[in-house]
């Protein structure tokens, strides 16, 4: 068991994306129950470390401990601000607090076309697509484990209140949409999210 746990930790450390129990079992030619037991042991062993093991939807990934979230968030928010536009950060906040959410709902809240922002967030791995369980033809968006890692969180339940995340991400004053309907900072989205809250 110790060898399997050590091997899994090494694989997750070098992996660029989360790994499922089934994928790890196939790779290591082990039973899923053995892999799951090793993952559980690894999660317990690392629970107080600076780097912990996260699980979301059957996917596993190493990430920073949520106890260090303030320091990690300050560091990564500065990095995030250098890479993302104001409109993209606004879109990310909407997805985080209203997920799972459709593109139509995002654009209704923001009041502008959000295709570019959504694509940018998908490329950076901060959000991911899922099928609507009520309609397989519709795509919904939710935050990813990569997002949790950037925010220094273990799960979405640890998200700060909306006003805190606005302050932490330093969202700009919301301005009216551009006349051409392009992907700008939306109008009135802050009030929309605050009224409805996390879904």
N, C-alpha and C. Protein backbone atom coordinates (compact mmCIF):
# COMPACT_ATOMS: atom_id res chain seq x y z
N UNK A 1 0.83 -1.21 0.00
CA UNK A 1 0.00 0.00 0.00
C UNK A 1 0.86 1.26 0.00
N UNK A 2 1.95 1.24 0.83
CA UNK A 2 2.80 2.41 0.91
C UNK A 2 3.44 2.74 -0.43
N UNK A 3 3.89 1.68 -1.16
CA UNK A 3 4.49 1.90 -2.47
C UNK A 3 3.47 2.48 -3.44
N UNK A 4 2.25 1.95 -3.43
CA UNK A 4 1.20 2.43 -4.32
C UNK A 4 0.86 3.89 -4.00
N UNK A 5 0.76 4.21 -2.74
CA UNK A 5 0.47 5.59 -2.33
C UNK A 5 1.57 6.53 -2.79
N UNK A 6 2.81 6.11 -2.64
CA UNK A 6 3.96 6.92 -3.06
C UNK A 6 3.96 7.14 -4.56
N UNK A 7 3.67 6.08 -5.31
CA UNK A 7 3.64 6.18 -6.78
C UNK A 7 2.54 7.12 -7.23
N UNK A 8 1.36 6.99 -6.62
CA UNK A 8 0.24 7.85 -6.99
C UNK A 8 0.57 9.31 -6.68
N UNK A 9 1.20 9.56 -5.55
CA UNK A 9 1.57 10.93 -5.20
C UNK A 9 2.52 11.51 -6.26
N UNK A 10 3.47 10.72 -6.71
CA UNK A 10 4.42 11.19 -7.73
C UNK A 10 3.72 11.49 -9.04
N UNK A 11 2.78 10.63 -9.42
CA UNK A 11 2.03 10.82 -10.66
C UNK A 11 1.20 12.09 -10.59
N UNK A 12 0.51 12.28 -9.49
CA UNK A 12 -0.33 13.48 -9.34
C UNK A 12 0.51 14.74 -9.28
N UNK A 13 1.72 14.64 -8.74
CA UNK A 13 2.59 15.80 -8.65
C UNK A 13 3.00 16.30 -10.03
N UNK A 14 3.29 15.37 -10.95
CA UNK A 14 3.76 15.77 -12.29
C UNK A 14 2.61 15.93 -13.28
N UNK A 15 1.40 15.50 -12.90
CA UNK A 15 0.27 15.57 -13.81
C UNK A 15 -0.18 17.01 -14.01
N UNK A 16 -0.45 17.36 -15.26
CA UNK A 16 -0.91 18.71 -15.58
C UNK A 16 -2.41 18.86 -15.39
N UNK A 17 -3.11 17.76 -15.14
CA UNK A 17 -4.56 17.81 -14.97
C UNK A 17 -4.98 16.78 -13.93
N UNK A 18 -6.20 16.91 -13.40
CA UNK A 18 -6.69 15.93 -12.42
C UNK A 18 -6.77 14.53 -13.03
N UNK A 19 -6.63 13.53 -12.19
CA UNK A 19 -6.70 12.14 -12.63
C UNK A 19 -7.83 11.43 -11.91
N UNK A 20 -8.56 10.59 -12.62
CA UNK A 20 -9.65 9.85 -12.00
C UNK A 20 -9.12 8.56 -11.38
N UNK A 21 -9.89 8.00 -10.47
CA UNK A 21 -9.52 6.73 -9.85
C UNK A 21 -9.38 5.65 -10.91
N UNK A 22 -10.29 5.63 -11.87
CA UNK A 22 -10.26 4.62 -12.92
C UNK A 22 -9.00 4.76 -13.78
N UNK A 23 -8.65 5.99 -14.14
CA UNK A 23 -7.45 6.21 -14.96
C UNK A 23 -6.19 5.76 -14.23
N UNK A 24 -6.11 6.09 -12.95
CA UNK A 24 -4.96 5.67 -12.16
C UNK A 24 -4.89 4.15 -12.04
N UNK A 25 -6.04 3.52 -11.87
CA UNK A 25 -6.08 2.06 -11.77
C UNK A 25 -5.60 1.40 -13.06
N UNK A 26 -6.04 1.93 -14.20
CA UNK A 26 -5.59 1.37 -15.49
C UNK A 26 -4.09 1.57 -15.66
N UNK A 27 -3.61 2.76 -15.35
CA UNK A 27 -2.19 3.06 -15.51
C UNK A 27 -1.31 2.16 -14.64
N UNK A 28 -1.76 1.94 -13.41
CA UNK A 28 -0.97 1.17 -12.45
C UNK A 28 -1.32 -0.31 -12.42
N UNK A 29 -2.28 -0.69 -13.27
CA UNK A 29 -2.71 -2.09 -13.35
C UNK A 29 -3.10 -2.62 -11.97
N UNK A 30 -3.91 -1.82 -11.31
CA UNK A 30 -4.38 -2.17 -9.97
C UNK A 30 -5.90 -2.11 -9.95
N UNK A 31 -6.48 -2.70 -8.92
CA UNK A 31 -7.92 -2.62 -8.73
C UNK A 31 -8.30 -1.21 -8.28
N UNK A 32 -9.46 -0.74 -8.71
CA UNK A 32 -9.90 0.60 -8.34
C UNK A 32 -10.01 0.76 -6.83
N UNK A 33 -10.45 -0.29 -6.14
CA UNK A 33 -10.58 -0.20 -4.69
C UNK A 33 -9.22 -0.02 -4.02
N UNK A 34 -8.18 -0.65 -4.58
CA UNK A 34 -6.83 -0.49 -4.04
C UNK A 34 -6.35 0.94 -4.26
N UNK A 35 -6.62 1.47 -5.45
CA UNK A 35 -6.21 2.84 -5.76
C UNK A 35 -6.97 3.83 -4.89
N UNK A 36 -8.26 3.60 -4.72
CA UNK A 36 -9.07 4.49 -3.89
C UNK A 36 -8.59 4.48 -2.44
N UNK A 37 -8.22 3.30 -1.95
CA UNK A 37 -7.70 3.19 -0.58
C UNK A 37 -6.39 3.96 -0.45
N UNK A 38 -5.55 3.85 -1.48
CA UNK A 38 -4.27 4.57 -1.47
C UNK A 38 -4.49 6.08 -1.53
N UNK A 39 -5.46 6.50 -2.33
CA UNK A 39 -5.79 7.92 -2.42
C UNK A 39 -6.31 8.45 -1.09
N UNK A 40 -7.16 7.68 -0.45
CA UNK A 40 -7.70 8.09 0.85
C UNK A 40 -6.58 8.20 1.88
N UNK A 41 -5.65 7.25 1.84
CA UNK A 41 -4.51 7.29 2.76
C UNK A 41 -3.63 8.51 2.49
N UNK A 42 -3.42 8.80 1.21
CA UNK A 42 -2.62 9.95 0.84
C UNK A 42 -3.29 11.25 1.29
N UNK A 43 -4.60 11.34 1.11
CA UNK A 43 -5.34 12.52 1.52
C UNK A 43 -5.23 12.74 3.04
N UNK A 44 -5.32 11.67 3.81
CA UNK A 44 -5.21 11.78 5.27
C UNK A 44 -3.80 12.19 5.68
N UNK A 45 -2.80 11.61 5.01
CA UNK A 45 -1.40 11.91 5.36
C UNK A 45 -1.03 13.36 5.06
N UNK A 46 -1.68 13.94 4.05
CA UNK A 46 -1.31 15.28 3.61
C UNK A 46 -2.26 16.37 4.10
N UNK A 47 -3.25 16.01 4.90
CA UNK A 47 -4.30 16.97 5.25
C UNK A 47 -3.78 18.21 5.97
N UNK A 48 -2.65 18.09 6.68
CA UNK A 48 -2.10 19.23 7.41
C UNK A 48 -0.86 19.81 6.73
N UNK A 49 -0.53 19.31 5.55
CA UNK A 49 0.64 19.79 4.82
C UNK A 49 0.32 21.06 4.03
N UNK A 50 1.35 21.68 3.50
CA UNK A 50 1.15 22.85 2.65
C UNK A 50 0.51 22.48 1.33
N UNK A 51 0.74 21.24 0.89
CA UNK A 51 0.13 20.70 -0.32
C UNK A 51 -0.77 19.55 0.09
N UNK A 52 -2.03 19.58 -0.33
CA UNK A 52 -3.00 18.56 0.05
C UNK A 52 -3.57 17.89 -1.21
N UNK A 53 -4.34 16.84 -0.99
CA UNK A 53 -4.97 16.13 -2.10
C UNK A 53 -6.44 16.52 -2.18
N UNK A 54 -6.85 17.02 -3.34
CA UNK A 54 -8.24 17.42 -3.55
C UNK A 54 -8.96 16.38 -4.39
N UNK A 55 -10.26 16.24 -4.14
CA UNK A 55 -11.10 15.37 -4.95
C UNK A 55 -12.37 16.12 -5.32
N UNK A 56 -12.72 16.09 -6.59
CA UNK A 56 -13.94 16.73 -7.07
C UNK A 56 -14.49 15.91 -8.22
N UNK A 57 -15.68 15.38 -8.06
CA UNK A 57 -16.31 14.60 -9.12
C UNK A 57 -15.51 13.38 -9.53
N UNK A 58 -14.84 12.74 -8.57
CA UNK A 58 -14.06 11.55 -8.89
C UNK A 58 -12.70 11.85 -9.49
N UNK A 59 -12.33 13.13 -9.54
CA UNK A 59 -11.03 13.55 -10.07
C UNK A 59 -10.14 13.99 -8.91
N UNK A 60 -8.87 13.61 -8.97
CA UNK A 60 -7.93 13.87 -7.88
C UNK A 60 -6.78 14.74 -8.36
N UNK A 61 -6.36 15.69 -7.50
CA UNK A 61 -5.25 16.56 -7.85
C UNK A 61 -4.61 17.12 -6.59
N UNK A 62 -3.29 17.28 -6.62
CA UNK A 62 -2.58 17.92 -5.52
C UNK A 62 -2.76 19.43 -5.64
N UNK A 63 -2.95 20.08 -4.51
CA UNK A 63 -3.16 21.54 -4.51
C UNK A 63 -2.73 22.10 -3.16
N UNK A 64 -2.73 23.42 -3.06
CA UNK A 64 -2.32 24.05 -1.80
C UNK A 64 -3.39 23.90 -0.72
N UNK A 65 -2.94 23.88 0.52
CA UNK A 65 -3.83 23.75 1.67
C UNK A 65 -4.68 25.01 1.82
N UNK A 66 -5.97 24.82 2.05
CA UNK A 66 -6.88 25.96 2.17
C UNK A 66 -6.53 26.85 3.37
N UNK A 67 -5.81 26.31 4.36
CA UNK A 67 -5.41 27.11 5.52
C UNK A 67 -4.44 28.22 5.11
N UNK A 68 -3.78 28.01 3.98
CA UNK A 68 -2.84 29.00 3.48
C UNK A 68 -3.46 29.85 2.38
N UNK A 69 -4.79 29.82 2.30
CA UNK A 69 -5.48 30.44 1.17
C UNK A 69 -5.23 31.93 1.05
N UNK A 70 -5.13 32.63 2.17
CA UNK A 70 -4.94 34.08 2.10
C UNK A 70 -3.64 34.43 1.40
N UNK A 71 -2.55 33.76 1.80
CA UNK A 71 -1.24 34.04 1.19
C UNK A 71 -1.21 33.58 -0.26
N UNK A 72 -1.76 32.38 -0.50
CA UNK A 72 -1.76 31.84 -1.86
C UNK A 72 -2.63 32.70 -2.76
N UNK A 73 -3.80 33.11 -2.25
CA UNK A 73 -4.72 33.92 -3.06
C UNK A 73 -4.09 35.27 -3.41
N UNK A 74 -3.39 35.87 -2.44
CA UNK A 74 -2.75 37.16 -2.72
C UNK A 74 -1.70 37.01 -3.82
N UNK A 75 -0.93 35.93 -3.75
CA UNK A 75 0.11 35.70 -4.75
C UNK A 75 -0.50 35.40 -6.13
N UNK A 76 -1.48 34.50 -6.16
CA UNK A 76 -2.05 34.09 -7.44
C UNK A 76 -2.99 35.12 -8.04
N UNK A 77 -3.68 35.90 -7.19
CA UNK A 77 -4.54 36.95 -7.73
C UNK A 77 -3.72 37.98 -8.48
N UNK A 78 -2.52 38.27 -7.95
CA UNK A 78 -1.64 39.21 -8.65
C UNK A 78 -1.25 38.63 -10.01
N UNK A 79 -0.96 37.33 -10.02
CA UNK A 79 -0.60 36.66 -11.27
C UNK A 79 -1.80 36.62 -12.21
N UNK A 80 -2.98 36.33 -11.63
CA UNK A 80 -4.20 36.23 -12.43
C UNK A 80 -4.54 37.57 -13.07
N UNK A 81 -4.36 38.65 -12.31
CA UNK A 81 -4.68 39.98 -12.83
C UNK A 81 -3.81 40.33 -14.03
N UNK A 82 -2.60 39.77 -14.08
CA UNK A 82 -1.70 40.05 -15.19
C UNK A 82 -2.14 39.30 -16.45
N UNK A 83 -2.89 38.22 -16.28
CA UNK A 83 -3.22 37.35 -17.40
C UNK A 83 -4.65 37.52 -17.91
N UNK A 84 -5.57 37.99 -17.05
CA UNK A 84 -6.98 38.05 -17.41
C UNK A 84 -7.47 39.49 -17.50
N UNK A 85 -8.37 39.72 -18.44
CA UNK A 85 -8.98 41.04 -18.56
C UNK A 85 -10.04 41.21 -17.47
N UNK A 86 -10.46 42.44 -17.26
CA UNK A 86 -11.52 42.71 -16.27
C UNK A 86 -12.80 41.95 -16.61
N UNK A 87 -13.13 41.91 -17.90
CA UNK A 87 -14.35 41.21 -18.32
C UNK A 87 -14.26 39.72 -18.04
N UNK A 88 -13.07 39.13 -18.23
CA UNK A 88 -12.89 37.71 -17.99
C UNK A 88 -12.96 37.39 -16.51
N UNK A 89 -12.40 38.23 -15.66
CA UNK A 89 -12.48 38.04 -14.21
C UNK A 89 -13.92 38.16 -13.74
N UNK A 90 -14.66 39.11 -14.31
CA UNK A 90 -16.07 39.25 -13.97
C UNK A 90 -16.84 37.99 -14.33
N UNK A 91 -16.56 37.44 -15.52
CA UNK A 91 -17.22 36.21 -15.96
C UNK A 91 -16.87 35.06 -15.03
N UNK A 92 -15.61 34.96 -14.61
CA UNK A 92 -15.18 33.91 -13.71
C UNK A 92 -15.92 33.99 -12.37
N UNK A 93 -16.10 35.20 -11.86
CA UNK A 93 -16.83 35.38 -10.60
C UNK A 93 -18.28 34.92 -10.73
N UNK A 94 -18.89 35.21 -11.88
CA UNK A 94 -20.27 34.80 -12.12
C UNK A 94 -20.38 33.28 -12.14
N UNK A 95 -19.47 32.62 -12.86
CA UNK A 95 -19.48 31.15 -12.91
C UNK A 95 -19.28 30.57 -11.52
N UNK A 96 -18.33 31.13 -10.76
CA UNK A 96 -18.02 30.60 -9.43
C UNK A 96 -19.22 30.62 -8.50
N UNK A 97 -20.03 31.69 -8.59
CA UNK A 97 -21.13 31.85 -7.64
C UNK A 97 -22.49 31.41 -8.17
N UNK A 98 -22.58 31.11 -9.45
CA UNK A 98 -23.87 30.69 -10.01
C UNK A 98 -23.81 29.32 -10.66
N UNK A 99 -22.68 28.62 -10.54
CA UNK A 99 -22.49 27.34 -11.23
C UNK A 99 -23.43 26.25 -10.73
N UNK A 100 -23.78 25.30 -11.63
CA UNK A 100 -23.46 25.33 -13.07
C UNK A 100 -24.36 26.33 -13.78
N UNK A 101 -23.81 26.97 -14.80
CA UNK A 101 -24.51 28.06 -15.46
C UNK A 101 -24.27 28.01 -16.96
N UNK A 102 -25.27 28.39 -17.74
CA UNK A 102 -25.15 28.38 -19.20
C UNK A 102 -24.58 29.70 -19.71
N UNK A 103 -24.12 29.68 -20.94
CA UNK A 103 -23.60 30.92 -21.55
C UNK A 103 -24.70 31.97 -21.63
N UNK A 104 -25.92 31.53 -21.95
CA UNK A 104 -27.03 32.48 -22.03
C UNK A 104 -27.26 33.18 -20.70
N UNK A 105 -27.20 32.41 -19.61
CA UNK A 105 -27.40 33.00 -18.28
C UNK A 105 -26.26 33.97 -17.94
N UNK A 106 -25.04 33.59 -18.30
CA UNK A 106 -23.89 34.48 -18.06
C UNK A 106 -24.08 35.80 -18.78
N UNK A 107 -24.49 35.72 -20.05
CA UNK A 107 -24.65 36.93 -20.85
C UNK A 107 -25.85 37.75 -20.41
N UNK A 108 -26.86 37.09 -19.86
CA UNK A 108 -28.01 37.82 -19.32
C UNK A 108 -27.59 38.64 -18.10
N UNK A 109 -26.78 38.04 -17.24
CA UNK A 109 -26.30 38.74 -16.05
C UNK A 109 -25.37 39.89 -16.44
N UNK A 110 -24.45 39.63 -17.36
CA UNK A 110 -23.45 40.63 -17.73
C UNK A 110 -24.00 41.68 -18.67
N UNK A 111 -24.96 41.31 -19.48
CA UNK A 111 -25.53 42.24 -20.43
C UNK A 111 -24.71 42.42 -21.69
N UNK A 112 -23.71 41.55 -21.88
CA UNK A 112 -22.86 41.64 -23.07
C UNK A 112 -22.48 40.24 -23.55
N UNK A 113 -22.03 40.15 -24.79
CA UNK A 113 -21.53 38.89 -25.34
C UNK A 113 -20.31 38.44 -24.53
N UNK A 114 -20.32 37.19 -24.08
CA UNK A 114 -19.25 36.70 -23.21
C UNK A 114 -18.45 35.56 -23.83
N UNK A 115 -18.56 35.37 -25.14
CA UNK A 115 -17.89 34.26 -25.80
C UNK A 115 -16.37 34.28 -25.58
N UNK A 116 -15.77 35.47 -25.74
CA UNK A 116 -14.32 35.57 -25.61
C UNK A 116 -13.87 35.23 -24.19
N UNK A 117 -14.57 35.76 -23.19
CA UNK A 117 -14.20 35.52 -21.80
C UNK A 117 -14.33 34.05 -21.44
N UNK A 118 -15.42 33.42 -21.87
CA UNK A 118 -15.62 32.00 -21.60
C UNK A 118 -14.52 31.17 -22.24
N UNK A 119 -14.21 31.47 -23.50
CA UNK A 119 -13.16 30.73 -24.20
C UNK A 119 -11.81 30.91 -23.50
N UNK A 120 -11.52 32.11 -23.06
CA UNK A 120 -10.26 32.40 -22.37
C UNK A 120 -10.17 31.60 -21.06
N UNK A 121 -11.26 31.53 -20.33
CA UNK A 121 -11.27 30.79 -19.07
C UNK A 121 -11.14 29.29 -19.31
N UNK A 122 -11.74 28.80 -20.39
CA UNK A 122 -11.62 27.38 -20.74
C UNK A 122 -10.17 27.04 -21.12
N UNK A 123 -9.56 27.90 -21.92
CA UNK A 123 -8.18 27.68 -22.34
C UNK A 123 -7.24 27.63 -21.13
N UNK A 124 -7.50 28.48 -20.15
CA UNK A 124 -6.64 28.54 -18.96
C UNK A 124 -7.01 27.48 -17.93
N UNK A 125 -8.06 26.72 -18.21
CA UNK A 125 -8.43 25.63 -17.33
C UNK A 125 -9.11 26.05 -16.05
N UNK A 126 -9.61 27.29 -15.98
CA UNK A 126 -10.24 27.78 -14.76
C UNK A 126 -11.72 27.39 -14.67
N UNK A 127 -12.34 27.13 -15.82
CA UNK A 127 -13.70 26.61 -15.85
C UNK A 127 -13.73 25.40 -16.78
N UNK A 128 -14.80 24.63 -16.71
CA UNK A 128 -14.94 23.46 -17.58
C UNK A 128 -16.39 23.29 -18.01
N UNK A 129 -16.56 22.57 -19.11
CA UNK A 129 -17.90 22.31 -19.64
C UNK A 129 -18.48 21.05 -19.01
N UNK A 130 -19.77 21.07 -18.77
CA UNK A 130 -20.49 19.86 -18.37
C UNK A 130 -21.83 19.85 -19.09
N UNK A 131 -22.42 18.69 -19.24
CA UNK A 131 -23.72 18.59 -19.88
C UNK A 131 -24.81 18.90 -18.87
N UNK A 132 -25.85 19.55 -19.34
CA UNK A 132 -27.01 19.82 -18.50
C UNK A 132 -27.74 18.49 -18.27
N UNK A 133 -27.87 18.04 -17.02
CA UNK A 133 -28.53 16.75 -16.76
C UNK A 133 -29.98 16.72 -17.19
N UNK A 134 -30.58 17.91 -17.36
CA UNK A 134 -31.97 17.99 -17.78
C UNK A 134 -32.12 18.11 -19.29
N UNK A 135 -31.01 18.44 -19.97
CA UNK A 135 -31.02 18.59 -21.42
C UNK A 135 -29.60 18.40 -21.95
N UNK A 136 -29.30 17.21 -22.46
CA UNK A 136 -27.95 16.90 -22.91
C UNK A 136 -27.47 17.76 -24.07
N UNK A 137 -28.39 18.47 -24.70
CA UNK A 137 -28.00 19.34 -25.81
C UNK A 137 -27.41 20.65 -25.32
N UNK A 138 -27.61 20.96 -24.06
CA UNK A 138 -27.14 22.24 -23.52
C UNK A 138 -25.85 22.06 -22.73
N UNK A 139 -24.90 22.97 -22.94
CA UNK A 139 -23.64 22.98 -22.22
C UNK A 139 -23.71 23.96 -21.06
N UNK A 140 -23.28 23.52 -19.90
CA UNK A 140 -23.18 24.38 -18.73
C UNK A 140 -21.70 24.55 -18.36
N UNK A 141 -21.42 25.55 -17.56
CA UNK A 141 -20.05 25.82 -17.14
C UNK A 141 -19.94 25.81 -15.62
N UNK A 142 -18.83 25.27 -15.14
CA UNK A 142 -18.55 25.26 -13.71
C UNK A 142 -17.05 25.49 -13.51
N UNK A 143 -16.66 25.87 -12.31
CA UNK A 143 -15.24 26.07 -12.04
C UNK A 143 -14.54 24.72 -11.94
N UNK A 144 -13.23 24.73 -12.15
CA UNK A 144 -12.43 23.51 -12.18
C UNK A 144 -11.58 23.38 -10.93
N UNK A 145 -10.90 22.24 -10.81
CA UNK A 145 -9.95 22.06 -9.72
C UNK A 145 -8.82 23.08 -9.85
N UNK A 146 -8.47 23.44 -11.07
CA UNK A 146 -7.44 24.45 -11.29
C UNK A 146 -7.85 25.78 -10.66
N UNK A 147 -9.14 26.10 -10.77
CA UNK A 147 -9.66 27.32 -10.13
C UNK A 147 -9.50 27.23 -8.62
N UNK A 148 -9.86 26.07 -8.03
CA UNK A 148 -9.72 25.90 -6.59
C UNK A 148 -8.27 26.07 -6.18
N UNK A 149 -7.36 25.52 -6.98
CA UNK A 149 -5.93 25.65 -6.69
C UNK A 149 -5.50 27.10 -6.71
N UNK A 150 -5.96 27.86 -7.73
CA UNK A 150 -5.61 29.27 -7.83
C UNK A 150 -6.16 30.07 -6.65
N UNK A 151 -7.33 29.67 -6.17
CA UNK A 151 -7.96 30.40 -5.08
C UNK A 151 -7.50 29.92 -3.71
N UNK A 152 -6.72 28.83 -3.68
CA UNK A 152 -6.26 28.29 -2.41
C UNK A 152 -7.38 27.65 -1.62
N UNK A 153 -8.33 27.01 -2.32
CA UNK A 153 -9.50 26.41 -1.67
C UNK A 153 -9.49 24.90 -1.85
N UNK A 154 -10.15 24.18 -0.93
CA UNK A 154 -10.29 22.73 -1.06
C UNK A 154 -11.55 22.35 -1.84
N UNK A 155 -12.58 23.19 -1.75
CA UNK A 155 -13.83 22.94 -2.47
C UNK A 155 -14.59 24.25 -2.61
N UNK A 156 -15.63 24.23 -3.43
CA UNK A 156 -16.39 25.46 -3.70
C UNK A 156 -17.13 25.99 -2.47
N UNK A 157 -17.36 25.11 -1.48
CA UNK A 157 -18.02 25.54 -0.27
C UNK A 157 -17.19 26.53 0.53
N UNK A 158 -15.88 26.59 0.25
CA UNK A 158 -15.00 27.50 0.97
C UNK A 158 -14.88 28.87 0.28
N UNK A 159 -15.63 29.07 -0.80
CA UNK A 159 -15.60 30.37 -1.46
C UNK A 159 -16.00 31.47 -0.49
N UNK A 160 -15.29 32.58 -0.49
CA UNK A 160 -15.68 33.69 0.39
C UNK A 160 -16.98 34.32 -0.10
N UNK A 161 -17.57 35.18 0.72
CA UNK A 161 -18.78 35.86 0.26
C UNK A 161 -18.43 36.72 -0.94
N UNK A 162 -19.45 37.06 -1.73
CA UNK A 162 -19.21 37.73 -3.01
C UNK A 162 -18.48 39.06 -2.87
N UNK A 163 -18.81 39.82 -1.85
CA UNK A 163 -18.15 41.11 -1.67
C UNK A 163 -16.66 40.94 -1.41
N UNK A 164 -16.30 39.85 -0.70
CA UNK A 164 -14.89 39.58 -0.43
C UNK A 164 -14.13 39.24 -1.70
N UNK A 165 -14.75 38.42 -2.56
CA UNK A 165 -14.05 38.05 -3.78
C UNK A 165 -13.94 39.24 -4.73
N UNK A 166 -14.93 40.12 -4.70
CA UNK A 166 -14.82 41.34 -5.50
C UNK A 166 -13.61 42.16 -5.06
N UNK A 167 -13.43 42.27 -3.77
CA UNK A 167 -12.31 43.03 -3.24
C UNK A 167 -10.99 42.33 -3.53
N UNK A 168 -10.98 41.00 -3.36
CA UNK A 168 -9.76 40.24 -3.58
C UNK A 168 -9.29 40.27 -5.02
N UNK A 169 -10.25 40.22 -5.96
CA UNK A 169 -9.89 40.24 -7.37
C UNK A 169 -9.83 41.65 -7.93
N UNK A 170 -10.21 42.62 -7.12
CA UNK A 170 -10.16 44.02 -7.52
C UNK A 170 -10.90 44.28 -8.83
N UNK A 171 -12.15 43.81 -8.88
CA UNK A 171 -12.96 44.05 -10.07
C UNK A 171 -13.18 45.55 -10.25
N UNK A 172 -13.18 46.02 -11.48
CA UNK A 172 -13.35 47.45 -11.72
C UNK A 172 -14.79 47.87 -11.52
N UNK A 173 -15.02 49.18 -11.49
CA UNK A 173 -16.37 49.70 -11.46
C UNK A 173 -17.08 49.27 -12.74
N UNK A 174 -18.26 48.68 -12.60
CA UNK A 174 -18.97 48.15 -13.75
C UNK A 174 -19.46 49.27 -14.64
N UNK A 175 -19.19 49.13 -15.91
CA UNK A 175 -19.55 50.18 -16.86
C UNK A 175 -20.60 49.69 -17.83
N UNK A 176 -21.31 50.58 -18.51
CA UNK A 176 -22.31 50.17 -19.49
C UNK A 176 -21.67 49.36 -20.61
N UNK A 177 -22.47 48.46 -21.21
CA UNK A 177 -21.95 47.65 -22.30
C UNK A 177 -21.61 48.53 -23.49
N UNK A 178 -20.66 48.05 -24.27
CA UNK A 178 -20.28 48.77 -25.47
C UNK A 178 -21.40 48.72 -26.49
N UNK A 179 -21.44 49.73 -27.31
CA UNK A 179 -22.52 49.81 -28.30
C UNK A 179 -22.47 48.69 -29.31
N UNK A 180 -21.25 48.09 -29.51
CA UNK A 180 -21.16 47.02 -30.49
C UNK A 180 -21.44 45.65 -29.89
N UNK A 181 -21.75 45.63 -28.57
CA UNK A 181 -22.10 44.37 -27.93
C UNK A 181 -20.92 43.47 -27.69
N UNK A 182 -19.69 43.96 -27.77
CA UNK A 182 -18.52 43.13 -27.59
C UNK A 182 -18.32 42.79 -26.13
N UNK A 183 -17.35 41.92 -25.86
CA UNK A 183 -17.15 41.38 -24.53
C UNK A 183 -16.43 42.38 -23.64
N UNK A 184 -17.18 43.29 -23.03
CA UNK A 184 -16.65 44.28 -22.12
C UNK A 184 -17.12 43.94 -20.72
N UNK A 185 -16.76 44.77 -19.75
CA UNK A 185 -17.27 44.58 -18.40
C UNK A 185 -18.77 44.82 -18.43
N UNK A 186 -19.55 43.89 -17.91
CA UNK A 186 -20.99 43.95 -18.03
C UNK A 186 -21.63 44.99 -17.14
N UNK A 187 -22.87 45.30 -17.43
CA UNK A 187 -23.59 46.29 -16.64
C UNK A 187 -24.49 45.59 -15.63
N UNK A 188 -24.36 46.01 -14.40
CA UNK A 188 -25.25 45.53 -13.35
C UNK A 188 -25.05 44.11 -12.91
N UNK A 189 -23.97 43.44 -13.30
CA UNK A 189 -23.83 42.04 -12.94
C UNK A 189 -23.61 41.85 -11.45
N UNK A 190 -22.97 42.80 -10.78
CA UNK A 190 -22.72 42.66 -9.34
C UNK A 190 -24.04 42.54 -8.60
N UNK A 191 -24.99 43.41 -8.90
CA UNK A 191 -26.28 43.35 -8.23
C UNK A 191 -27.01 42.06 -8.53
N UNK A 192 -26.89 41.59 -9.77
CA UNK A 192 -27.58 40.36 -10.17
C UNK A 192 -27.09 39.18 -9.34
N UNK A 193 -25.77 39.09 -9.16
CA UNK A 193 -25.22 37.96 -8.42
C UNK A 193 -25.55 38.09 -6.94
N UNK A 194 -25.43 39.29 -6.40
CA UNK A 194 -25.70 39.50 -4.99
C UNK A 194 -27.14 39.18 -4.63
N UNK A 195 -28.07 39.47 -5.55
CA UNK A 195 -29.48 39.21 -5.28
C UNK A 195 -29.78 37.72 -5.29
N UNK A 196 -29.15 36.99 -6.23
CA UNK A 196 -29.45 35.56 -6.37
C UNK A 196 -28.54 34.67 -5.55
N UNK A 197 -27.28 35.11 -5.33
CA UNK A 197 -26.36 34.35 -4.51
C UNK A 197 -25.90 33.09 -5.21
N UNK A 198 -25.04 32.28 -4.54
CA UNK A 198 -24.56 31.05 -5.11
C UNK A 198 -25.72 30.07 -5.34
N UNK A 199 -25.60 29.30 -6.43
CA UNK A 199 -26.65 28.33 -6.73
C UNK A 199 -26.28 26.96 -6.16
